[in-house]
Amino acid sequence: MLSQSIEDYIKAIWTLSEGKEDKYAVSTNVLASHLMTSQASVSEMYKRLADKEFIDYIPYQGGSLSPKGRQLAVSLIRKHRLWEVFLHAKLGFGWEEVHDIAEQLEHIHSHELTKRLDAFLDYPSIDPHGDYIPDAEGNIPKQRAKPLTELTIGGVAKVVGVLDSNSKLLSLLSQKGIGLGTSLCVQSILPFDDSRVLTLNEKQSAELSYKACELILIQENR
């Protein structure tokens, strides 16, 4: 059975390389910053992962997931996102709370449990943050959303996800009345810091910083 540390590294490499070209190599300094550890620790783990054939590793360049490594990463992502759905939909946890708990639950090694959890939840396709859940074969649809910062004044769109599951961001959005499915219209863009003044669901008004808007994924109404 693999250690939690190895699984955390594999998932982190997948997260940092998602959407990049095939065989994208994640450098040691980028991964060290992401995991808040030392480059020496990352280099040592990269050697271990390469020995286990989870990554292709070139010193001073970085590591990229092998097919075996990607299979493990997607399995972890699948479990994580299914647990997030369960915690949110069945136990009533807020979308700002589920990530940290799912981080622990994703390391349960039971294929049958994952299979039954998926069926119990009626085979969900997205998690509470709008991220696609890999299917049992490891397929993940490509995200076709764009950040809220690309919506022009007068534009109307629907919130379909967030790029960061940081609890502070999600709590802020909840306080503003913004969640998955919320309809947004950009009323104005403030000249000082590019904050957006929004109308939510054609009713209340809210103001969000440019930084927050960068992390909100939308699909524009046509």
Protein backbone atom coordinates (compact mmCIF):
# COMPACT_ATOMS: atom_id res chain seq x y z
CA MET A 1 0.00 0.00 0.00
CA LEU A 2 1.33 3.43 -0.93
CA SER A 3 2.00 6.08 1.69
CA GLN A 4 -0.14 9.20 1.91
CA SER A 5 2.96 11.27 1.16
CA ILE A 6 3.50 9.53 -2.18
CA GLU A 7 -0.17 9.98 -3.10
CA ASP A 8 -0.05 13.66 -2.15
CA TYR A 9 2.96 14.19 -4.42
CA ILE A 10 1.34 12.37 -7.33
CA LYS A 11 -1.85 14.41 -7.01
CA ALA A 12 0.11 17.65 -6.73
CA ILE A 13 2.03 16.91 -9.94
CA TRP A 14 -1.26 16.18 -11.70
CA THR A 15 -2.80 19.43 -10.41
CA LEU A 16 0.18 21.52 -11.54
CA SER A 17 0.34 19.90 -14.98
CA GLU A 18 -3.41 19.72 -15.69
CA GLY A 19 -4.26 21.42 -18.95
CA LYS A 20 -0.63 21.58 -20.06
CA GLU A 21 0.90 19.68 -22.97
CA ASP A 22 1.60 15.96 -22.70
CA LYS A 23 4.64 15.04 -20.61
CA TYR A 24 4.72 18.52 -19.04
CA ALA A 25 7.49 18.47 -16.42
CA VAL A 26 6.80 20.09 -13.04
CA SER A 27 10.03 21.60 -11.70
CA THR A 28 11.24 20.90 -8.18
CA ASN A 29 10.95 24.54 -7.10
CA VAL A 30 7.35 24.84 -8.37
CA LEU A 31 6.32 21.63 -6.60
CA ALA A 32 8.19 22.63 -3.44
CA SER A 33 6.34 25.94 -3.36
CA HIS A 34 2.98 24.22 -3.96
CA LEU A 35 3.54 21.69 -1.16
CA MET A 36 5.35 24.19 1.09
CA THR A 37 8.39 21.97 1.48
CA SER A 38 12.07 22.12 0.49
CA GLN A 39 13.46 21.51 -3.00
CA ALA A 40 15.75 18.87 -1.49
CA SER A 41 12.70 16.95 -0.22
CA VAL A 42 11.06 17.17 -3.63
CA SER A 43 14.21 15.95 -5.41
CA GLU A 44 14.40 12.98 -3.06
CA MET A 45 10.73 12.12 -3.59
CA TYR A 46 11.09 12.51 -7.36
CA LYS A 47 13.79 9.82 -7.28
CA ARG A 48 11.50 7.52 -5.29
CA LEU A 49 8.57 8.11 -7.65
CA ALA A 50 10.78 7.48 -10.68
CA ASP A 51 11.99 4.20 -9.14
CA LYS A 52 8.34 3.16 -8.73
CA GLU A 53 7.66 4.24 -12.36
CA PHE A 54 5.06 6.83 -11.37
CA ILE A 55 6.96 9.67 -13.06
CA ASP A 56 9.58 10.35 -15.71
CA TYR A 57 12.23 12.42 -13.94
CA ILE A 58 15.06 14.45 -15.41
CA PRO A 59 17.29 16.16 -12.80
CA TYR A 60 17.22 19.98 -13.01
CA GLN A 61 14.17 19.83 -15.29
CA GLY A 62 11.47 18.16 -13.24
CA GLY A 63 9.05 15.28 -13.28
CA SER A 64 6.09 14.35 -15.47
CA LEU A 65 3.51 11.69 -14.75
CA SER A 66 3.86 8.33 -16.45
CA PRO A 67 0.68 6.51 -17.53
CA LYS A 68 0.87 4.60 -14.23
CA GLY A 69 1.23 7.87 -12.31
CA ARG A 70 -1.65 9.53 -14.12
CA GLN A 71 -3.89 6.55 -13.39
CA LEU A 72 -3.16 6.90 -9.69
CA ALA A 73 -3.61 10.69 -9.74
CA VAL A 74 -6.98 10.51 -11.49
CA SER A 75 -8.12 7.83 -9.04
CA LEU A 76 -7.29 10.15 -6.13
CA ILE A 77 -9.01 13.09 -7.81
CA ARG A 78 -12.09 10.95 -8.46
CA LYS A 79 -12.31 9.85 -4.81
CA HIS A 80 -11.66 13.37 -3.54
CA ARG A 81 -14.41 14.95 -5.62
CA LEU A 82 -16.94 12.20 -4.89
CA TRP A 83 -16.32 12.68 -1.16
CA GLU A 84 -16.81 16.42 -1.59
CA VAL A 85 -20.22 15.78 -3.18
CA PHE A 86 -21.17 13.43 -0.35
CA LEU A 87 -20.09 15.87 2.36
CA HIS A 88 -21.91 18.78 0.72
CA ALA A 89 -25.06 17.10 -0.57
CA LYS A 90 -25.65 14.48 2.12
CA LEU A 91 -24.06 15.87 5.28
CA GLY A 92 -24.69 19.57 4.72
CA PHE A 93 -21.10 20.82 4.82
CA GLY A 94 -20.53 24.16 3.09
CA TRP A 95 -18.50 24.23 -0.12
CA GLU A 96 -15.80 26.05 1.85
CA GLU A 97 -15.52 23.12 4.30
CA VAL A 98 -15.43 20.00 2.15
CA HIS A 99 -11.94 20.21 0.63
CA ASP A 100 -9.91 19.65 3.79
CA ILE A 101 -12.09 16.72 4.91
CA ALA A 102 -11.98 15.12 1.45
CA GLU A 103 -8.18 15.42 1.54
CA GLN A 104 -8.25 12.86 4.34
CA LEU A 105 -10.96 10.60 2.90
CA GLU A 106 -9.32 10.32 -0.54
CA HIS A 107 -6.63 8.05 0.92
CA ILE A 108 -9.07 5.25 1.80
CA HIS A 109 -7.98 2.34 -0.38
CA SER A 110 -11.20 0.61 -1.38
CA HIS A 111 -12.29 0.41 -5.01
CA GLU A 112 -15.61 -1.08 -3.95
CA LEU A 113 -16.29 1.83 -1.57
CA THR A 114 -15.63 4.34 -4.35
CA LYS A 115 -17.89 2.39 -6.72
CA ARG A 116 -20.74 2.28 -4.19
CA LEU A 117 -20.28 5.93 -3.22
CA ASP A 118 -20.59 6.93 -6.89
CA ALA A 119 -23.79 4.89 -7.25
CA PHE A 120 -25.21 6.20 -3.95
CA LEU A 121 -24.72 9.77 -5.20
CA ASP A 122 -26.38 8.86 -8.54
CA TYR A 123 -23.18 9.24 -10.55
CA PRO A 124 -22.50 12.98 -10.21
CA SER A 125 -20.45 14.71 -12.92
CA ILE A 126 -19.28 17.78 -10.98
CA ASP A 127 -18.20 18.46 -7.41
CA PRO A 128 -19.41 21.37 -5.20
CA HIS A 129 -16.77 23.66 -6.72
CA GLY A 130 -17.77 22.96 -10.31
CA ASP A 131 -14.85 20.64 -11.11
CA TYR A 132 -15.56 17.62 -13.29
CA ILE A 133 -15.40 14.25 -11.58
CA PRO A 134 -13.41 11.61 -13.50
CA ASP A 135 -15.54 8.63 -14.47
CA ALA A 136 -14.67 5.04 -13.54
CA GLU A 137 -12.42 4.79 -16.63
CA GLY A 138 -10.53 7.96 -15.70
CA ASN A 139 -12.03 10.21 -18.37
CA ILE A 140 -12.41 13.89 -17.53
CA PRO A 141 -14.26 16.38 -19.79
CA LYS A 142 -12.34 19.53 -20.67
CA GLN A 143 -13.45 22.64 -18.80
CA ARG A 144 -15.08 25.09 -21.24
CA ALA A 145 -15.43 27.97 -18.86
CA LYS A 146 -13.57 31.27 -18.59
CA PRO A 147 -12.74 33.57 -15.67
CA LEU A 148 -15.20 36.27 -14.65
CA THR A 149 -12.56 38.91 -15.49
CA GLU A 150 -13.23 38.21 -19.19
CA LEU A 151 -16.89 39.19 -18.91
CA THR A 152 -17.44 42.70 -20.26
CA ILE A 153 -19.76 45.37 -18.85
CA GLY A 154 -23.36 44.36 -19.51
CA GLY A 155 -22.39 40.77 -20.02
CA VAL A 156 -24.49 38.07 -18.34
CA ALA A 157 -23.13 34.68 -17.30
CA LYS A 158 -23.62 31.77 -14.92
CA VAL A 159 -21.11 30.64 -12.30
CA VAL A 160 -19.91 27.12 -13.13
CA GLY A 161 -16.87 26.74 -10.90
CA VAL A 162 -13.95 28.19 -9.00
CA LEU A 163 -10.24 27.79 -9.63
CA ASP A 164 -9.30 27.71 -5.97
CA SER A 165 -10.95 25.77 -3.16
CA ASN A 166 -9.44 28.09 -0.53
CA SER A 167 -11.93 28.28 2.33
CA LYS A 168 -11.52 32.07 2.71
CA LEU A 169 -12.46 32.65 -0.93
CA LEU A 170 -15.43 30.28 -0.77
CA SER A 171 -16.66 31.82 2.48
CA LEU A 172 -16.44 35.27 0.89
CA LEU A 173 -18.45 34.14 -2.12
CA SER A 174 -21.07 32.54 0.13
CA GLN A 175 -21.39 35.77 2.10
CA LYS A 176 -21.90 37.65 -1.16
CA GLY A 177 -24.58 35.18 -2.26
CA ILE A 178 -22.47 33.66 -5.03
CA GLY A 179 -22.44 29.91 -5.68
CA LEU A 180 -22.68 27.42 -8.53
CA GLY A 181 -25.50 28.44 -10.86
CA THR A 182 -25.61 32.08 -9.73
CA SER A 183 -26.42 34.44 -12.59
CA LEU A 184 -24.05 37.41 -12.82
CA CYS A 185 -24.21 40.67 -14.75
CA VAL A 186 -21.28 43.11 -14.76
CA GLN A 187 -22.66 46.57 -14.07
CA SER A 188 -19.34 48.43 -13.90
CA ILE A 189 -15.58 48.06 -13.50
CA LEU A 190 -14.00 50.35 -10.94
CA PRO A 191 -11.02 52.24 -12.40
CA PHE A 192 -8.77 52.13 -9.31
CA ASP A 193 -8.35 48.37 -8.89
CA ASP A 194 -10.57 46.81 -11.59
CA SER A 195 -13.06 45.53 -9.00
CA ARG A 196 -16.36 44.41 -10.52
CA VAL A 197 -19.77 45.67 -9.46
CA LEU A 198 -22.19 42.84 -10.16
CA THR A 199 -25.90 42.15 -10.15
CA LEU A 200 -26.68 38.68 -8.86
CA ASN A 201 -29.70 36.75 -10.13
CA GLU A 202 -31.16 40.05 -11.40
CA LYS A 203 -31.64 41.15 -7.78
CA GLN A 204 -28.95 42.10 -5.29
CA SER A 205 -25.73 43.96 -5.98
CA ALA A 206 -22.24 42.82 -4.97
CA GLU A 207 -18.70 44.06 -5.43
CA LEU A 208 -15.75 41.72 -5.95
CA SER A 209 -12.03 42.37 -6.28
CA TYR A 210 -10.23 41.62 -9.51
CA LYS A 211 -8.32 38.84 -7.73
CA ALA A 212 -11.53 37.12 -6.67
CA CYS A 213 -13.04 37.50 -10.13
CA GLU A 214 -9.99 35.80 -11.67
CA LEU A 215 -10.83 32.67 -9.67
CA ILE A 216 -14.52 32.45 -10.60
CA LEU A 217 -15.34 30.39 -13.69
CA ILE A 218 -18.33 31.35 -15.80
CA GLN A 219 -20.21 30.39 -18.91
CA GLU A 220 -21.55 33.38 -20.75
CA ASN A 221 -25.18 33.55 -21.81
CA ARG A 222 -25.55 33.81 -25.56
